Amino acid sequence: MSQNKPSKHENITLSFPQDLNTLLHLRVTRRGISKYVAEAVRKALEEDEQKELLKLEAAYEEANKDKDRLKEIEEWGSLDSFENSEDWEWENE
């Protein structure tokens, strides 16, 4: 997510629990609430994205430990040695 690109704004309505709304107004001026909430949401989305990337990375690492999978990849990779499929002799020809 890029924070440097200017973007258009949309008005939305959010509902907060009363205690959260009170804490928000104690910390942020009325005119600063939109910016504060937008920054908090952006940060949360970036954290979610980072967590997803870490999970994906862990899954790749785990897959690379699977000997059967690696053997299968190696066997299929040997098919890449055929440079031109037209060189193959088909049984039906």
Protein backbone atom coordinates (compact mmCIF):
# COMPACT_ATOMS: atom_id res chain seq x y z
CA MET A 1 0.00 0.00 0.00
CA SER A 2 1.38 3.35 -0.94
CA GLN A 3 0.91 6.21 1.46
CA ASN A 4 2.46 8.75 -0.89
CA LYS A 5 -0.22 8.75 -3.58
CA PRO A 6 -2.89 11.38 -3.10
CA SER A 7 -6.32 9.86 -3.17
CA LYS A 8 -9.88 10.98 -3.39
CA HIS A 9 -11.87 10.89 -0.21
CA GLU A 10 -15.23 9.26 0.34
CA ASN A 11 -17.59 10.00 3.17
CA ILE A 12 -18.60 6.94 5.16
CA THR A 13 -20.50 6.41 8.35
CA LEU A 14 -19.01 4.30 11.11
CA SER A 15 -20.55 3.16 14.35
CA PHE A 16 -18.33 2.73 17.39
CA PRO A 17 -19.10 1.47 20.87
CA GLN A 18 -19.76 4.45 23.11
CA ASP A 19 -16.65 3.92 25.24
CA LEU A 20 -14.43 3.80 22.15
CA ASN A 21 -16.06 6.92 20.77
CA THR A 22 -15.43 8.73 24.08
CA LEU A 23 -11.76 7.71 24.10
CA LEU A 24 -11.38 8.78 20.47
CA HIS A 25 -12.80 12.23 21.18
CA LEU A 26 -10.55 12.64 24.20
CA ARG A 27 -7.48 11.95 22.06
CA VAL A 28 -8.38 13.58 18.74
CA THR A 29 -10.07 16.82 17.81
CA ARG A 30 -13.35 16.56 15.94
CA ARG A 31 -11.70 17.82 12.75
CA GLY A 32 -8.90 15.26 13.06
CA ILE A 33 -11.00 12.13 13.49
CA SER A 34 -11.13 11.18 9.80
CA LYS A 35 -7.36 11.40 9.43
CA TYR A 36 -6.79 9.50 12.68
CA VAL A 37 -9.17 6.68 11.73
CA ALA A 38 -7.78 6.51 8.17
CA GLU A 39 -4.22 6.18 9.49
CA ALA A 40 -5.29 3.51 11.99
CA VAL A 41 -7.09 1.51 9.30
CA ARG A 42 -4.15 1.86 6.90
CA LYS A 43 -1.75 0.62 9.60
CA ALA A 44 -4.03 -2.33 10.42
CA LEU A 45 -4.31 -3.28 6.73
CA GLU A 46 -0.53 -3.10 6.30
CA GLU A 47 -0.06 -5.31 9.38
CA ASP A 48 -2.59 -7.80 7.99
CA GLU A 49 -0.77 -7.83 4.66
CA GLN A 50 2.57 -8.42 6.40
CA LYS A 51 1.07 -11.32 8.40
CA GLU A 52 -0.27 -12.86 5.19
CA LEU A 53 3.15 -12.58 3.55
CA LEU A 54 4.80 -14.23 6.55
CA LYS A 55 2.27 -17.08 6.40
CA LEU A 56 2.91 -17.51 2.69
CA GLU A 57 6.66 -17.51 3.23
CA ALA A 58 6.30 -20.14 5.96
CA ALA A 59 4.15 -22.27 3.64
CA TYR A 60 6.81 -22.06 0.90
CA GLU A 61 9.51 -23.04 3.38
CA GLU A 62 7.43 -25.99 4.55
CA ALA A 63 6.75 -27.07 0.96
CA ASN A 64 10.47 -26.98 0.21
CA LYS A 65 11.02 -29.53 2.98
CA ASP A 66 8.62 -32.03 1.35
CA LYS A 67 10.91 -34.61 -0.28
CA ASP A 68 8.11 -36.25 -2.28
CA ARG A 69 7.08 -32.88 -3.71
CA LEU A 70 10.68 -32.00 -4.60
CA LYS A 71 11.17 -35.38 -6.28
CA GLU A 72 7.98 -34.85 -8.31
CA ILE A 73 9.16 -31.40 -9.39
CA GLU A 74 12.49 -32.86 -10.46
CA GLU A 75 10.74 -35.55 -12.51
CA TRP A 76 8.48 -33.02 -14.22
CA GLY A 77 11.46 -30.72 -14.73
CA SER A 78 13.10 -33.39 -16.87
CA LEU A 79 10.35 -32.76 -19.41
CA ASP A 80 11.77 -29.25 -19.87
CA SER A 81 14.77 -30.80 -21.58
CA PHE A 82 12.69 -31.25 -24.73
CA GLU A 83 13.42 -28.02 -26.56
CA ASN A 84 10.87 -28.49 -29.28
CA SER A 85 7.72 -30.55 -28.88
CA GLU A 86 7.65 -31.07 -32.67
CA ASP A 87 10.60 -33.44 -32.23
CA TRP A 88 8.41 -35.87 -30.33
CA GLU A 89 7.20 -38.95 -32.09
CA TRP A 90 3.54 -39.49 -31.37
CA GLU A 91 2.14 -43.03 -31.33
CA ASN A 92 -0.88 -42.10 -33.45
CA GLU A 93 1.12 -40.71 -36.34
